[in-house]
Protein backbone atom coordinates (compact mmCIF):
# COMPACT_ATOMS: atom_id res chain seq x y z
CA MET A 1 13.60 5.83 -5.75
CA ARG A 2 10.47 4.46 -7.45
CA GLY A 3 8.20 2.30 -5.27
CA SER A 4 9.86 3.27 -2.02
CA ALA A 5 8.31 4.80 1.07
CA THR A 6 9.73 6.72 3.98
CA ARG A 7 8.57 5.75 7.46
CA LEU A 8 10.16 7.21 10.56
CA GLY A 9 13.03 8.46 8.41
CA VAL A 10 13.84 5.01 6.99
CA ARG A 11 13.44 4.30 3.30
CA THR A 12 11.81 0.94 2.64
CA ARG A 13 10.73 -1.01 -0.42
CA PRO A 14 7.28 -2.57 -0.83
CA LEU A 15 7.19 -6.23 0.12
CA PRO A 16 6.65 -8.73 -2.72
CA VAL A 17 3.46 -10.24 -1.35
CA PHE A 18 1.49 -10.35 -4.59
CA LEU A 19 2.02 -12.91 -7.33
CA ASP A 20 -0.17 -10.75 -9.54
CA ASN A 21 -2.05 -7.49 -9.15
CA ARG A 22 -5.35 -9.12 -8.26
CA LYS A 23 -4.91 -11.13 -5.07
CA PRO A 24 -2.36 -11.55 -2.28
CA CYS A 25 -0.81 -15.01 -2.21
CA MET A 26 -0.76 -15.13 1.60
CA GLN A 27 -3.17 -13.67 4.11
CA ARG A 28 -3.05 -13.21 7.87
CA PHE A 29 -5.76 -14.88 9.98
CA MET A 30 -6.85 -14.90 13.62
CA ILE A 31 -8.17 -18.25 14.83
CA GLU A 32 -10.32 -18.31 17.94
CA ARG A 33 -10.32 -21.57 19.90
CA ASP A 34 -12.58 -22.01 22.92
CA LEU A 35 -10.66 -24.07 25.47
CA PRO A 36 -12.15 -23.82 28.99
CA GLY A 37 -9.38 -23.30 31.52
CA ALA A 38 -6.80 -22.38 28.87
CA GLY A 39 -5.29 -19.69 31.08
CA ALA A 40 -4.55 -22.22 33.82
CA LEU A 41 -2.84 -24.77 31.56
CA PRO A 42 0.69 -25.63 32.72
CA ASP A 43 3.63 -24.64 30.52
CA ALA A 44 4.23 -28.30 29.62
CA VAL A 45 0.75 -28.56 28.09
CA LEU A 46 1.19 -25.30 26.18
CA ARG A 47 4.49 -26.60 24.77
CA LEU A 48 2.74 -29.84 23.73
CA ILE A 49 0.06 -27.84 21.89
CA ALA A 50 2.77 -25.79 20.15
CA ARG A 51 4.63 -28.95 19.11
CA LYS A 52 1.42 -30.44 17.69
CA SER A 53 0.89 -27.31 15.63
CA LEU A 54 4.45 -27.32 14.33
CA ALA A 55 4.35 -31.05 13.52
CA ALA A 56 1.18 -30.59 11.46
CA ARG A 57 2.47 -27.53 9.63
CA GLU A 58 1.97 -27.40 5.90
CA THR A 59 3.81 -25.23 3.44
CA SER A 60 0.70 -23.05 3.06
CA VAL A 61 0.31 -22.30 6.81
CA HIS A 62 2.80 -20.39 8.94
CA TRP A 63 1.87 -20.08 12.64
CA LEU A 64 3.18 -16.81 14.07
CA TYR A 65 2.06 -16.76 17.72
CA SER A 66 -0.93 -17.23 20.02
CA TYR A 67 -2.50 -15.27 22.83
CA VAL A 68 -3.87 -17.35 25.70
CA THR A 69 -6.71 -15.93 27.78
CA GLU A 70 -8.72 -17.50 30.58
CA ASN A 71 -10.86 -19.69 28.30
CA ARG A 72 -9.67 -19.08 24.77
CA PHE A 73 -6.69 -19.15 22.42
CA TYR A 74 -6.27 -16.45 19.76
CA CYS A 75 -3.82 -17.79 17.20
CA ILE A 76 -2.30 -15.60 14.49
CA CYS A 77 -1.08 -17.29 11.33
CA ILE A 78 -0.32 -16.64 7.69
CA ALA A 79 -2.00 -18.93 5.20
CA ALA A 80 -3.09 -19.13 1.60
CA ASP A 81 -6.77 -19.29 2.56
CA GLU A 82 -9.25 -20.25 5.27
CA ASN A 83 -9.44 -23.86 4.06
CA ALA A 84 -5.71 -24.30 4.69
CA VAL A 85 -6.19 -22.98 8.24
CA ARG A 86 -9.06 -25.43 8.87
CA GLU A 87 -7.04 -28.36 7.50
CA HIS A 88 -4.08 -27.45 9.69
CA ALA A 89 -6.36 -27.36 12.77
CA ARG A 90 -7.85 -30.73 11.84
CA ARG A 91 -4.37 -32.27 11.61
CA CYS A 92 -3.46 -30.75 15.00
CA GLY A 93 -6.64 -32.01 16.62
CA LEU A 94 -7.42 -28.51 17.88
CA PRO A 95 -10.85 -26.87 17.79
CA VAL A 96 -11.64 -23.93 15.55
CA ASP A 97 -14.52 -21.80 16.69
CA ARG A 98 -13.94 -18.82 14.43
CA ILE A 99 -11.51 -17.77 11.70
CA SER A 100 -11.22 -14.09 10.81
CA ARG A 101 -9.07 -12.68 8.05
CA ILE A 102 -7.05 -9.76 9.38
CA ARG A 103 -7.53 -6.84 7.01
CA SER A 104 -5.44 -4.10 8.55
CA LEU A 105 -3.10 -3.42 11.43
CA ILE A 106 -2.80 -0.38 13.66
CA ASP A 107 -0.42 0.21 16.53
CA PRO A 108 0.85 3.16 18.59
CA ALA A 109 3.75 3.76 16.18
CA SER A 110 1.62 3.83 13.05
CA ASP A 111 0.22 6.92 11.40
CA GLY A 112 -2.95 4.95 10.73
CA PRO A 113 -4.11 1.58 9.46
CA ARG A 114 -1.62 -0.40 7.39
CA ARG A 115 -2.59 -3.12 4.97
CA VAL A 116 -1.58 -6.46 6.46
CA ALA A 117 0.03 -7.40 3.15
CA ASP A 118 2.56 -4.62 3.79
CA THR A 119 3.57 -6.15 7.15
CA LEU A 120 4.23 -9.77 6.22
CA ASP A 121 7.51 -11.14 7.54
CA ALA A 122 10.34 -12.81 5.61
CA ALA A 123 8.81 -16.30 5.93
CA ALA A 124 5.57 -15.13 4.36
CA ARG A 125 7.41 -13.28 1.60
CA ALA A 126 9.35 -16.45 0.80
CA MET A 127 6.07 -18.37 0.56
CA CYS A 128 4.85 -15.80 -1.97
CA THR A 129 7.90 -15.85 -4.21
CA PRO A 130 7.52 -18.20 -7.17
CA HIS A 131 10.20 -20.91 -7.20
CA SER A 132 11.35 -19.79 -10.65
CA ALA A 133 12.07 -16.29 -9.29
CA ILE A 134 14.07 -17.73 -6.39
CA ALA A 135 16.12 -19.91 -8.74
CA ALA A 136 16.77 -16.98 -11.09
CA SER A 137 17.96 -14.79 -8.22
CA ARG A 138 20.61 -17.36 -7.27
CA VAL A 139 22.20 -17.45 -10.72
């Protein structure tokens, strides 16, 4: 099968994360937010922060999850670009101390680094699919 790959005995197809051959339409970012005492915040406050993020969500930003350490949040999201991430943070009223584009992903099950574009989930793939292609697939 052309364009397929075998990983752990399972045949998969490449994910449609590129609108053209030059640039991915969505990228994964890690946002670092310095929040003193973040690790001691009660669950109710963490839920409030999550709700603020979801309420301010744009179509070009998809928040995946966050890691909370003693004094910092590490938020992982998928977005069109860094400017969209900054605008989302501004709407949430949350600080942004650093934004890093995630370039590759390794884990214990991988044979080596994988391009992040190959790991995008269904929500990110839907964001990358042109509306005309979606409409044509429903006919």
